Structure formats: structure tokens, C-alpha cells
Amino acid sequence: MKPLLEILQNRKAAISNQEAMHAVITYLGLTEEERNLKMENGKNLILYRFRWAKTYLKKAGLIMTLDDSSFQLTQDGDEIDLTKIDKITNKILSQYPTYREFRARHKKLNFSHENDGELQDDKTPEEMIELASQQLHQSIKDELLDIIKMKSPKFFEQLVVDLLVAMGYGGSHQDAAQAIGKTNDGGIDGVISEDRLGLDKIYIQAKRWENTVGRPDIQQFKGALADQVAKKGVFITTSTFSKEAIESAKKSGIVLIDGDKLTSLMIEFGLGVQIERSFHLYKIDQDRFDDDAF
């Protein structure tokens, strides 16, 4: 992380992922052999660490993504005095509110700040795998949400179609595609079949927003549902819902899907993600060693 920050501070301009990766390799003076080091799953080790460095620096607000392939330093990243820092640690990053918020979502992972983010020694190997898996899972969710927010509203509407069809709604993909984003009727963005026969309808509000969705937004959606004499509604957003909005939705039977739930569903139904690696945990088959079995 420190070499990447120093490179950006000296550059004073946006940089592509490819340029940044090459600059870090040059900065570290890596040999050809070191550049080509592979992890057990065959992925390039330096590239893997480069991506994680970007993730942590972004969560701290020290860098910002411009698009899918480039990023730049933020004001906070430019102001950090690297001459007084031996290396970038979790303790340093935790000075920034956005990183503390990011870490707060990992409280259940029980990482120790004293050993700079390593898993605690009192964990069993199985527990360590589970905790690391949860951290990777949350990181993928964060990355998915960042990508979605950079896309157009039309892309988001199509994403909603793909997700609902993957979940078994909408009948055919063609039917769902025709339903979403076509009505624009008083706060309703689309209508989709709950089953393949189209016996019941679900009315949808899909908003690619940054700000928290409040009670007035839910009330508007409720009014639109009432006009349609609709019984079922789903409000999907990339942001979050206020407590008032959640309470209002509960009273009306409206299902709320925020950014966190959205990305969880995407992972669950394999939308926009793919399995990079799987692990098999083995245990002794006691029946095989039972003397009575012979």
C-alpha cells in the first residue's frame, strides 16, 4: 500500500491499473521470478496483493476509482506524510472514518488490531477459513456495489431483470425485460410476474441511488401500489433505507432490498460473479475403520 501511495503522490494524476501495477513492480525492484510468483490457485501473487492494496486504500478514502480501469489519489491520500510511516497498517487506515465503517462490518470476523489484521491465534483452522471466507465475501459485495453505482440507470434496470429471473420470477427473460422500466407509472418502474403462469404480479421500484431512501419515497411507492390495486411491491436500491422507511414498508408488506441485500442475492444466484476457487475439508470416515464392518 505504501509504494502505491508514494507512486500516486509523485504522479499527481490519474493512473490506469496496468500502469500502476507496472510502477509498483518497478518501485519494489522485483525480479522476473518474483513478478511471476503464483499462488496455489494459479493466480499471480503480485497482482492479487495489488488489488487488495487498492481495496484497503479505497476504503480509507485515500484513493478513488474513476472507472473500471483507472483511479487517482484523493486529497486525504495526498496529505498523508509517507516519510513518517514505515508501512501502511490497519491502525493507520483506521484513522479514517470510511475505513472504520468498513472494519465495523467485519466485527463478527473478530480480527485483532494488535497483530495488524491477522487472524487471532485462538482460532482453529476451520474457524480461520470461515472468517477469511466471510471477509472475502464482504469484499466482493463491496466491489460489486461500487461497479453497479458507476453504471447507468438503464444498466441497473437490466440488472434487476437478470436478478429477478435468476430468482425464478418473471416467467421468461423476455417477459421480464418487457415489464421492467416500461411503465413509469406514478412511482412504479416495472411489473413482473410472480410465477411462470403470470397469475400474480409484483410491482417494482428500482433506484440506483447514493442517498438514503426515506419514508416519503416509500409512501410514494405505496400510493402508486394503491392506484394499481396491487398487493405486492419490491423496492430495490443501491443505497440504504432509513428506519422510518423500513417501518413504513413493514406496515404495507413492501419488500425492501438495499445495496447489501442486493449484492448478497447476486452472489447467491451467481449473477456477476464466478467461483474462483473452492476448498474441500475432509474428516475421517469412522465407519470405514469400524471393526464390525469387516
C-alpha atoms as a PDB file:
ATOM      1  CA  MET A   1       0.000   0.000   0.000  1.00  0.00           C
ATOM      2  CA  LYS A   2       2.786   2.455   0.812  1.00  0.00           C
ATOM      3  CA  PRO A   3       4.564   2.092  -2.573  1.00  0.00           C
ATOM      4  CA  LEU A   4       1.259   2.607  -4.369  1.00  0.00           C
ATOM      5  CA  LEU A   5       0.506   5.777  -2.393  1.00  0.00           C
ATOM      6  CA  GLU A   6       4.008   7.141  -2.985  1.00  0.00           C
ATOM      7  CA  ILE A   7       3.710   6.492  -6.714  1.00  0.00           C
ATOM      8  CA  LEU A   8       0.397   8.364  -6.835  1.00  0.00           C
ATOM      9  CA  GLN A   9       1.713  11.277  -4.770  1.00  0.00           C
ATOM     10  CA  ASN A  10       4.621  11.703  -7.173  1.00  0.00           C
ATOM     11  CA  ARG A  11       2.431  11.311 -10.228  1.00  0.00           C
ATOM     12  CA  LYS A  12      -0.233  13.908  -9.258  1.00  0.00           C
ATOM     13  CA  ALA A  13      -2.622  12.472 -11.859  1.00  0.00           C
ATOM     14  CA  ALA A  14      -4.945   9.576 -12.557  1.00  0.00           C
ATOM     15  CA  ILE A  15      -3.393   6.237 -13.420  1.00  0.00           C
ATOM     16  CA  SER A  16      -4.603   3.044 -15.060  1.00  0.00           C
ATOM     17  CA  ASN A  17      -4.470  -0.291 -13.265  1.00  0.00           C
ATOM     18  CA  GLN A  18      -1.892  -1.550 -15.743  1.00  0.00           C
ATOM     19  CA  GLU A  19       0.362   1.494 -15.298  1.00  0.00           C
ATOM     20  CA  ALA A  20       0.061   1.351 -11.525  1.00  0.00           C
ATOM     21  CA  MET A  21       0.866  -2.351 -11.435  1.00  0.00           C
ATOM     22  CA  HIS A  22       3.975  -1.822 -13.574  1.00  0.00           C
ATOM     23  CA  ALA A  23       5.031   1.153 -11.416  1.00  0.00           C
ATOM     24  CA  VAL A  24       4.734  -0.881  -8.203  1.00  0.00           C
ATOM     25  CA  ILE A  25       6.788  -3.721  -9.688  1.00  0.00           C
ATOM     26  CA  THR A  26       9.471  -1.228 -10.720  1.00  0.00           C
ATOM     27  CA  TYR A  27       9.363   0.527  -7.329  1.00  0.00           C
ATOM     28  CA  LEU A  28       9.871  -2.767  -5.493  1.00  0.00           C
ATOM     29  CA  GLY A  29      12.619  -3.853  -7.891  1.00  0.00           C
ATOM     30  CA  LEU A  30      11.079  -7.270  -8.375  1.00  0.00           C
ATOM     31  CA  THR A  31      12.949  -9.870 -10.368  1.00  0.00           C
ATOM     32  CA  GLU A  32      11.322 -11.725 -13.236  1.00  0.00           C
ATOM     33  CA  GLU A  33      10.900 -14.730 -10.974  1.00  0.00           C
ATOM     34  CA  GLU A  34       9.234 -12.634  -8.274  1.00  0.00           C
ATOM     35  CA  ARG A  35       6.908 -10.996 -10.795  1.00  0.00           C
ATOM     36  CA  ASN A  36       5.677 -14.406 -11.891  1.00  0.00           C
ATOM     37  CA  LEU A  37       5.130 -15.915  -8.442  1.00  0.00           C
ATOM     38  CA  LYS A  38       1.906 -17.906  -8.378  1.00  0.00           C
ATOM     39  CA  MET A  39      -0.442 -18.754  -5.564  1.00  0.00           C
ATOM     40  CA  GLU A  40      -1.689 -22.307  -5.150  1.00  0.00           C
ATOM     41  CA  ASN A  41      -4.756 -21.499  -7.261  1.00  0.00           C
ATOM     42  CA  GLY A  42      -2.540 -20.345 -10.135  1.00  0.00           C
ATOM     43  CA  LYS A  43      -3.248 -16.614  -9.736  1.00  0.00           C
ATOM     44  CA  ASN A  44      -0.404 -14.113  -9.898  1.00  0.00           C
ATOM     45  CA  LEU A  45       0.613 -13.238  -6.330  1.00  0.00           C
ATOM     46  CA  ILE A  46       1.709  -9.648  -7.035  1.00  0.00           C
ATOM     47  CA  LEU A  47      -1.492  -8.840  -8.929  1.00  0.00           C
ATOM     48  CA  TYR A  48      -3.560 -10.332  -6.104  1.00  0.00           C
ATOM     49  CA  ARG A  49      -1.804  -8.183  -3.476  1.00  0.00           C
ATOM     50  CA  PHE A  50      -2.020  -5.126  -5.714  1.00  0.00           C
ATOM     51  CA  ARG A  51      -5.799  -5.498  -5.885  1.00  0.00           C
ATOM     52  CA  TRP A  52      -6.107  -5.864  -2.118  1.00  0.00           C
ATOM     53  CA  ALA A  53      -3.894  -2.808  -1.611  1.00  0.00           C
ATOM     54  CA  LYS A  54      -6.269  -0.823  -3.812  1.00  0.00           C
ATOM     55  CA  THR A  55      -9.269  -2.144  -1.898  1.00  0.00           C
ATOM     56  CA  TYR A  56      -7.954  -1.077   1.516  1.00  0.00           C
ATOM     57  CA  LEU A  57      -6.750   2.333   0.316  1.00  0.00           C
ATOM     58  CA  LYS A  58     -10.106   2.965  -1.307  1.00  0.00           C
ATOM     59  CA  LYS A  59     -11.996   2.002   1.840  1.00  0.00           C
ATOM     60  CA  ALA A  60      -9.901   4.533   3.750  1.00  0.00           C
ATOM     61  CA  GLY A  61     -10.714   7.206   1.182  1.00  0.00           C
ATOM     62  CA  LEU A  62      -7.080   7.623   0.150  1.00  0.00           C
ATOM     63  CA  ILE A  63      -7.755   6.735  -3.480  1.00  0.00           C
ATOM     64  CA  MET A  64     -10.877   6.895  -5.630  1.00  0.00           C
ATOM     65  CA  THR A  65     -11.980   4.845  -8.617  1.00  0.00           C
ATOM     66  CA  LEU A  66     -12.701   6.762 -11.817  1.00  0.00           C
ATOM     67  CA  ASP A  67     -13.913   3.864 -13.943  1.00  0.00           C
ATOM     68  CA  ASP A  68     -13.329   0.158 -14.423  1.00  0.00           C
ATOM     69  CA  SER A  69      -9.666   0.600 -15.295  1.00  0.00           C
ATOM     70  CA  SER A  70      -8.322   3.762 -13.627  1.00  0.00           C
ATOM     71  CA  PHE A  71      -8.107   5.519 -10.274  1.00  0.00           C
ATOM     72  CA  GLN A  72      -6.451   8.509  -8.616  1.00  0.00           C
ATOM     73  CA  LEU A  73      -5.328   9.925  -5.294  1.00  0.00           C
ATOM     74  CA  THR A  74      -7.801  11.792  -3.082  1.00  0.00           C
ATOM     75  CA  GLN A  75      -6.964  14.873  -1.014  1.00  0.00           C
ATOM     76  CA  ASP A  76      -6.554  12.700   2.095  1.00  0.00           C
ATOM     77  CA  GLY A  77      -4.230  10.405   0.188  1.00  0.00           C
ATOM     78  CA  ASP A  78      -2.153  13.343  -0.995  1.00  0.00           C
ATOM     79  CA  GLU A  79      -1.869  14.809   2.506  1.00  0.00           C
ATOM     80  CA  ILE A  80      -0.619  11.685   4.282  1.00  0.00           C
ATOM     81  CA  ASP A  81       3.084  12.071   5.165  1.00  0.00           C
ATOM     82  CA  LEU A  82       4.743   8.883   3.997  1.00  0.00           C
ATOM     83  CA  THR A  83       8.167   9.938   5.272  1.00  0.00           C
ATOM     84  CA  LYS A  84       6.951   9.275   8.810  1.00  0.00           C
ATOM     85  CA  ILE A  85       5.460   5.887   8.004  1.00  0.00           C
ATOM     86  CA  ASP A  86       7.348   2.616   7.695  1.00  0.00           C
ATOM     87  CA  LYS A  87       4.345   0.807   6.238  1.00  0.00           C
ATOM     88  CA  ILE A  88       0.594   1.299   5.935  1.00  0.00           C
ATOM     89  CA  THR A  89      -1.166  -0.668   8.690  1.00  0.00           C
ATOM     90  CA  ASN A  90      -4.750  -1.158   9.813  1.00  0.00           C
ATOM     91  CA  LYS A  91      -4.011   1.191  12.710  1.00  0.00           C
ATOM     92  CA  ILE A  92      -3.090   3.969  10.272  1.00  0.00           C
ATOM     93  CA  LEU A  93      -6.051   3.299   7.985  1.00  0.00           C
ATOM     94  CA  SER A  94      -8.389   3.244  10.981  1.00  0.00           C
ATOM     95  CA  GLN A  95      -7.776   6.973  11.428  1.00  0.00           C
ATOM     96  CA  TYR A  96     -10.194   7.460   8.546  1.00  0.00           C
ATOM     97  CA  PRO A  97     -13.978   7.177   9.218  1.00  0.00           C
ATOM     98  CA  THR A  98     -14.782   5.323   5.999  1.00  0.00           C
ATOM     99  CA  TYR A  99     -12.232   2.634   6.820  1.00  0.00           C
ATOM    100  CA  ARG A 100     -13.568   2.304  10.376  1.00  0.00           C
ATOM    101  CA  GLU A 101     -17.018   1.837   8.899  1.00  0.00           C
ATOM    102  CA  PHE A 102     -15.625  -0.814   6.565  1.00  0.00           C
ATOM    103  CA  ARG A 103     -13.978  -2.581   9.505  1.00  0.00           C
ATOM    104  CA  ALA A 104     -17.145  -2.309  11.589  1.00  0.00           C
ATOM    105  CA  ARG A 105     -18.889  -4.525   9.070  1.00  0.00           C
ATOM    106  CA  HIS A 106     -16.236  -7.143   9.847  1.00  0.00           C
ATOM    107  CA  LYS A 107     -16.594  -7.066  13.639  1.00  0.00           C
ATOM    108  CA  LYS A 108     -18.057 -10.521  13.622  1.00  0.00           C
ATOM    109  CA  LEU A 109     -14.849 -11.712  11.960  1.00  0.00           C
ATOM    110  CA  ASN A 110     -13.041 -10.846  15.198  1.00  0.00           C
ATOM    111  CA  PHE A 111      -9.784  -9.595  13.674  1.00  0.00           C
ATOM    112  CA  SER A 112      -7.145  -8.263  16.052  1.00  0.00           C
ATOM    113  CA  HIS A 113      -5.755  -4.764  15.504  1.00  0.00           C
ATOM    114  CA  GLU A 114      -2.736  -5.574  17.655  1.00  0.00           C
ATOM    115  CA  ASN A 115      -1.367  -8.007  15.103  1.00  0.00           C
ATOM    116  CA  ASP A 116      -2.381  -5.772  12.214  1.00  0.00           C
ATOM    117  CA  GLY A 117      -5.320  -7.686  10.916  1.00  0.00           C
ATOM    118  CA  GLU A 118      -4.055 -11.231  11.172  1.00  0.00           C
ATOM    119  CA  LEU A 119      -6.468 -13.817  12.481  1.00  0.00           C
ATOM    120  CA  GLN A 120      -6.210 -14.389  16.214  1.00  0.00           C
ATOM    121  CA  ASP A 121      -4.148 -17.301  17.445  1.00  0.00           C
ATOM    122  CA  ASP A 122      -7.002 -18.862  19.412  1.00  0.00           C
ATOM    123  CA  LYS A 123      -8.873 -19.850  16.254  1.00  0.00           C
ATOM    124  CA  THR A 124      -8.969 -23.388  14.902  1.00  0.00           C
ATOM    125  CA  PRO A 125      -8.001 -23.910  11.240  1.00  0.00           C
ATOM    126  CA  GLU A 126     -11.677 -24.374  10.322  1.00  0.00           C
ATOM    127  CA  GLU A 127     -12.632 -21.146  12.096  1.00  0.00           C
ATOM    128  CA  MET A 128      -9.848 -19.264  10.337  1.00  0.00           C
ATOM    129  CA  ILE A 129     -11.054 -20.494   6.947  1.00  0.00           C
ATOM    130  CA  GLU A 130     -14.614 -19.461   7.799  1.00  0.00           C
ATOM    131  CA  LEU A 131     -13.555 -15.990   8.964  1.00  0.00           C
ATOM    132  CA  ALA A 132     -11.345 -15.404   5.943  1.00  0.00           C
ATOM    133  CA  SER A 133     -14.161 -16.581   3.680  1.00  0.00           C
ATOM    134  CA  GLN A 134     -16.525 -14.052   5.261  1.00  0.00           C
ATOM    135  CA  GLN A 135     -14.027 -11.250   4.731  1.00  0.00           C
ATOM    136  CA  LEU A 136     -13.567 -12.191   1.068  1.00  0.00           C
ATOM    137  CA  HIS A 137     -17.341 -12.433   0.685  1.00  0.00           C
ATOM    138  CA  GLN A 138     -17.869  -8.921   2.078  1.00  0.00           C
ATOM    139  CA  SER A 139     -15.092  -7.541  -0.099  1.00  0.00           C
ATOM    140  CA  ILE A 140     -16.753  -8.958  -3.225  1.00  0.00           C
ATOM    141  CA  LYS A 141     -20.083  -7.428  -2.171  1.00  0.00           C
ATOM    142  CA  ASP A 142     -18.440  -4.014  -1.715  1.00  0.00           C
ATOM    143  CA  GLU A 143     -16.747  -4.278  -5.099  1.00  0.00           C
ATOM    144  CA  LEU A 144     -19.982  -5.320  -6.813  1.00  0.00           C
ATOM    145  CA  LEU A 145     -21.812  -2.338  -5.352  1.00  0.00           C
ATOM    146  CA  ASP A 146     -19.071   0.062  -6.435  1.00  0.00           C
ATOM    147  CA  ILE A 147     -19.272  -1.245 -10.002  1.00  0.00           C
ATOM    148  CA  ILE A 148     -23.075  -1.027 -10.096  1.00  0.00           C
ATOM    149  CA  LYS A 149     -23.019   2.571  -8.887  1.00  0.00           C
ATOM    150  CA  MET A 150     -20.698   3.533 -11.745  1.00  0.00           C
ATOM    151  CA  LYS A 151     -23.084   2.105 -14.321  1.00  0.00           C
ATOM    152  CA  SER A 152     -26.094   3.825 -15.886  1.00  0.00           C
ATOM    153  CA  PRO A 153     -29.667   3.636 -14.537  1.00  0.00           C
ATOM    154  CA  LYS A 154     -30.549   1.564 -17.611  1.00  0.00           C
ATOM    155  CA  PHE A 155     -27.836  -0.939 -16.702  1.00  0.00           C
ATOM    156  CA  PHE A 156     -29.276  -1.147 -13.185  1.00  0.00           C
ATOM    157  CA  GLU A 157     -32.767  -1.825 -14.526  1.00  0.00           C
ATOM    158  CA  GLN A 158     -31.381  -4.659 -16.665  1.00  0.00           C
ATOM    159  CA  LEU A 159     -29.502  -5.996 -13.642  1.00  0.00           C
ATOM    160  CA  VAL A 160     -32.765  -6.089 -11.704  1.00  0.00           C
ATOM    161  CA  VAL A 161     -34.334  -8.063 -14.564  1.00  0.00           C
ATOM    162  CA  ASP A 162     -31.474 -10.566 -14.582  1.00  0.00           C
ATOM    163  CA  LEU A 163     -31.608 -10.999 -10.805  1.00  0.00           C
ATOM    164  CA  LEU A 164     -35.370 -11.495 -10.608  1.00  0.00           C
ATOM    165  CA  VAL A 165     -35.319 -14.007 -13.456  1.00  0.00           C
ATOM    166  CA  ALA A 166     -32.419 -15.848 -11.792  1.00  0.00           C
ATOM    167  CA  MET A 167     -34.537 -15.989  -8.618  1.00  0.00           C
ATOM    168  CA  GLY A 168     -37.374 -17.606 -10.544  1.00  0.00           C
ATOM    169  CA  TYR A 169     -39.648 -14.617 -11.147  1.00  0.00           C
ATOM    170  CA  GLY A 170     -40.868 -13.096 -14.371  1.00  0.00           C
ATOM    171  CA  GLY A 171     -41.696 -16.204 -16.348  1.00  0.00           C
ATOM    172  CA  SER A 172     -39.294 -15.869 -19.275  1.00  0.00           C
ATOM    173  CA  HIS A 173     -36.422 -13.415 -19.503  1.00  0.00           C
ATOM    174  CA  GLN A 174     -38.125 -11.760 -22.460  1.00  0.00           C
ATOM    175  CA  ASP A 175     -41.328 -11.195 -20.473  1.00  0.00           C
ATOM    176  CA  ALA A 176     -39.377  -9.717 -17.577  1.00  0.00           C
ATOM    177  CA  ALA A 177     -37.367  -7.441 -19.845  1.00  0.00           C
ATOM    178  CA  GLN A 178     -40.571  -6.078 -21.342  1.00  0.00           C
ATOM    179  CA  ALA A 179     -42.031  -5.429 -17.914  1.00  0.00           C
ATOM    180  CA  ILE A 180     -39.190  -3.629 -16.168  1.00  0.00           C
ATOM    181  CA  GLY A 181     -38.565   0.021 -16.951  1.00  0.00           C
ATOM    182  CA  LYS A 182     -41.599   0.300 -19.222  1.00  0.00           C
ATOM    183  CA  THR A 183     -44.414   1.562 -17.033  1.00  0.00           C
ATOM    184  CA  ASN A 184     -43.043   4.739 -15.431  1.00  0.00           C
ATOM    185  CA  ASP A 185     -46.483   4.988 -13.848  1.00  0.00           C
ATOM    186  CA  GLY A 186     -46.635   7.115 -10.713  1.00  0.00           C
ATOM    187  CA  GLY A 187     -43.615   5.718  -8.899  1.00  0.00           C
ATOM    188  CA  ILE A 188     -43.687   2.206 -10.382  1.00  0.00           C
ATOM    189  CA  ASP A 189     -40.684   1.272 -12.507  1.00  0.00           C
ATOM    190  CA  GLY A 190     -41.935  -2.112 -13.593  1.00  0.00           C
ATOM    191  CA  VAL A 191     -44.274  -5.044 -13.183  1.00  0.00           C
ATOM    192  CA  ILE A 192     -43.130  -8.635 -13.217  1.00  0.00           C
ATOM    193  CA  SER A 193     -44.931 -11.971 -12.908  1.00  0.00           C
ATOM    194  CA  GLU A 194     -44.503 -13.802  -9.619  1.00  0.00           C
ATOM    195  CA  ASP A 195     -44.801 -17.155 -11.386  1.00  0.00           C
ATOM    196  CA  ARG A 196     -44.420 -18.564 -14.882  1.00  0.00           C
ATOM    197  CA  LEU A 197     -48.168 -18.551 -15.470  1.00  0.00           C
ATOM    198  CA  GLY A 198     -48.445 -14.872 -14.615  1.00  0.00           C
ATOM    199  CA  LEU A 199     -51.182 -15.488 -12.036  1.00  0.00           C
ATOM    200  CA  ASP A 200     -49.895 -12.767  -9.718  1.00  0.00           C
ATOM    201  CA  LYS A 201     -47.928  -9.579 -10.283  1.00  0.00           C
ATOM    202  CA  ILE A 202     -45.147  -7.896  -8.335  1.00  0.00           C
ATOM    203  CA  TYR A 203     -44.695  -4.153  -8.731  1.00  0.00           C
ATOM    204  CA  ILE A 204     -41.141  -2.861  -8.641  1.00  0.00           C
ATOM    205  CA  GLN A 205     -39.299   0.326  -7.801  1.00  0.00           C
ATOM    206  CA  ALA A 206     -35.622   0.150  -8.849  1.00  0.00           C
ATOM    207  CA  LYS A 207     -33.429   3.109  -7.906  1.00  0.00           C
ATOM    208  CA  ARG A 208     -29.673   3.433  -8.382  1.00  0.00           C
ATOM    209  CA  TRP A 209     -29.220   5.977  -5.598  1.00  0.00           C
ATOM    210  CA  GLU A 210     -26.455   7.185  -3.310  1.00  0.00           C
ATOM    211  CA  ASN A 211     -28.614   8.871  -0.652  1.00  0.00           C
ATOM    212  CA  THR A 212     -30.628   7.010   1.969  1.00  0.00           C
ATOM    213  CA  VAL A 213     -34.164   6.124   0.873  1.00  0.00           C
ATOM    214  CA  GLY A 214     -36.568   7.806   3.276  1.00  0.00           C
ATOM    215  CA  ARG A 215     -40.172   7.378   4.363  1.00  0.00           C
ATOM    216  CA  PRO A 216     -41.536   9.810   1.699  1.00  0.00           C
ATOM    217  CA  ASP A 217     -40.121   7.578  -1.049  1.00  0.00           C
ATOM    218  CA  ILE A 218     -41.864   4.547   0.434  1.00  0.00           C
ATOM    219  CA  GLN A 219     -45.078   6.499   0.852  1.00  0.00           C
ATOM    220  CA  GLN A 220     -44.988   7.489  -2.809  1.00  0.00           C
ATOM    221  CA  PHE A 221     -44.478   3.871  -3.803  1.00  0.00           C
ATOM    222  CA  LYS A 222     -47.345   2.803  -1.509  1.00  0.00           C
ATOM    223  CA  GLY A 223     -49.606   5.338  -3.188  1.00  0.00           C
ATOM    224  CA  ALA A 224     -48.652   4.024  -6.620  1.00  0.00           C
ATOM    225  CA  LEU A 225     -49.414   0.471  -5.491  1.00  0.00           C
ATOM    226  CA  ALA A 226     -52.797   1.563  -4.163  1.00  0.00           C
ATOM    227  CA  ASP A 227     -53.645   3.167  -7.503  1.00  0.00           C
ATOM    228  CA  GLN A 228     -52.924  -0.151  -9.204  1.00  0.00           C
ATOM    229  CA  VAL A 229     -54.823  -2.110  -6.530  1.00  0.00           C
ATOM    230  CA  ALA A 230     -51.557  -4.031  -6.154  1.00  0.00           C
ATOM    231  CA  LYS A 231     -50.883  -6.396  -3.264  1.00  0.00           C
ATOM    232  CA  LYS A 232     -47.153  -6.920  -3.647  1.00  0.00           C
ATOM    233  CA  GLY A 233     -44.283  -4.477  -4.103  1.00  0.00           C
ATOM    234  CA  VAL A 234     -40.483  -4.618  -4.049  1.00  0.00           C
ATOM    235  CA  PHE A 235     -38.282  -1.536  -3.622  1.00  0.00           C
ATOM    236  CA  ILE A 236     -34.697  -2.164  -4.780  1.00  0.00           C
ATOM    237  CA  THR A 237     -31.921   0.380  -4.297  1.00  0.00           C
ATOM    238  CA  THR A 238     -28.130   0.542  -4.309  1.00  0.00           C
ATOM    239  CA  SER A 239     -28.172   2.638  -1.134  1.00  0.00           C
ATOM    240  CA  THR A 240     -29.857   2.067   2.264  1.00  0.00           C
ATOM    241  CA  PHE A 241     -33.257   2.620   3.873  1.00  0.00           C
ATOM    242  CA  SER A 242     -33.931   4.851   6.855  1.00  0.00           C
ATOM    243  CA  LYS A 243     -35.566   3.384   9.978  1.00  0.00           C
ATOM    244  CA  GLU A 244     -38.743   5.297   9.140  1.00  0.00           C
ATOM    245  CA  ALA A 245     -38.745   3.870   5.626  1.00  0.00           C
ATOM    246  CA  ILE A 246     -38.325   0.330   6.957  1.00  0.00           C
ATOM    247  CA  GLU A 247     -41.189   0.748   9.415  1.00  0.00           C
ATOM    248  CA  SER A 248     -43.431   2.216   6.730  1.00  0.00           C
ATOM    249  CA  ALA A 249     -42.665  -0.669   4.362  1.00  0.00           C
ATOM    250  CA  LYS A 250     -43.397  -3.290   7.037  1.00  0.00           C
ATOM    251  CA  LYS A 251     -46.889  -1.913   7.566  1.00  0.00           C
ATOM    252  CA  SER A 252     -47.634  -2.229   3.855  1.00  0.00           C
ATOM    253  CA  GLY A 253     -45.986  -5.547   3.082  1.00  0.00           C
ATOM    254  CA  ILE A 254     -43.432  -3.942   0.792  1.00  0.00           C
ATOM    255  CA  VAL A 255     -40.180  -5.898   0.481  1.00  0.00           C
ATOM    256  CA  LEU A 256     -37.046  -3.741   0.702  1.00  0.00           C
ATOM    257  CA  ILE A 257     -33.763  -4.722  -0.927  1.00  0.00           C
ATOM    258  CA  ASP A 258     -30.852  -2.409  -0.136  1.00  0.00           C
ATOM    259  CA  GLY A 259     -27.369  -2.460  -1.618  1.00  0.00           C
ATOM    260  CA  ASP A 260     -26.091  -5.028   0.869  1.00  0.00           C
ATOM    261  CA  LYS A 261     -29.003  -7.402   0.272  1.00  0.00           C
ATOM    262  CA  LEU A 262     -28.810  -6.833  -3.478  1.00  0.00           C
ATOM    263  CA  THR A 263     -25.174  -7.927  -3.676  1.00  0.00           C
ATOM    264  CA  SER A 264     -25.847 -10.874  -1.349  1.00  0.00           C
ATOM    265  CA  LEU A 265     -28.556 -12.078  -3.722  1.00  0.00           C
ATOM    266  CA  MET A 266     -26.274 -11.563  -6.719  1.00  0.00           C
ATOM    267  CA  ILE A 267     -23.654 -13.801  -5.142  1.00  0.00           C
ATOM    268  CA  GLU A 268     -26.233 -16.366  -4.020  1.00  0.00           C
ATOM    269  CA  PHE A 269     -27.661 -16.677  -7.535  1.00  0.00           C
ATOM    270  CA  GLY A 270     -24.326 -16.342  -9.366  1.00  0.00           C
ATOM    271  CA  LEU A 271     -25.078 -13.039 -11.062  1.00  0.00           C
ATOM    272  CA  GLY A 272     -21.969 -11.008 -11.956  1.00  0.00           C
ATOM    273  CA  VAL A 273     -19.669 -13.362 -10.051  1.00  0.00           C
ATOM    274  CA  GLN A 274     -17.972 -16.672 -10.669  1.00  0.00           C
ATOM    275  CA  ILE A 275     -16.287 -19.201  -8.425  1.00  0.00           C
ATOM    276  CA  GLU A 276     -12.553 -18.567  -8.398  1.00  0.00           C
ATOM    277  CA  ARG A 277     -11.569 -21.395  -6.099  1.00  0.00           C
ATOM    278  CA  SER A 278     -13.224 -24.000  -3.893  1.00  0.00           C
ATOM    279  CA  PHE A 279     -11.902 -25.898  -0.899  1.00  0.00           C
ATOM    280  CA  HIS A 280     -12.729 -29.363   0.364  1.00  0.00           C
ATOM    281  CA  LEU A 281     -12.459 -30.006   4.103  1.00  0.00           C
ATOM    282  CA  TYR A 282     -12.006 -33.668   4.914  1.00  0.00           C
ATOM    283  CA  LYS A 283     -12.717 -35.660   8.055  1.00  0.00           C
ATOM    284  CA  ILE A 284     -12.099 -39.279   8.963  1.00  0.00           C
ATOM    285  CA  ASP A 285     -14.788 -41.704   7.829  1.00  0.00           C
ATOM    286  CA  GLN A 286     -15.220 -43.589  11.108  1.00  0.00           C
ATOM    287  CA  ASP A 287     -17.444 -46.217   9.502  1.00  0.00           C
ATOM    288  CA  ARG A 288     -14.551 -47.238   7.253  1.00  0.00           C
ATOM    289  CA  PHE A 289     -12.478 -48.123  10.327  1.00  0.00           C
ATOM    290  CA  ASP A 290     -15.259 -49.815  12.301  1.00  0.00           C
ATOM    291  CA  ASP A 291     -14.189 -53.386  13.032  1.00  0.00           C
ATOM    292  CA  ASP A 292     -17.803 -54.524  12.871  1.00  0.00           C
ATOM    293  CA  ALA A 293     -17.901 -53.524   9.226  1.00  0.00           C
ATOM    294  CA  PHE A 294     -15.467 -56.267   8.281  1.00  0.00           C
END
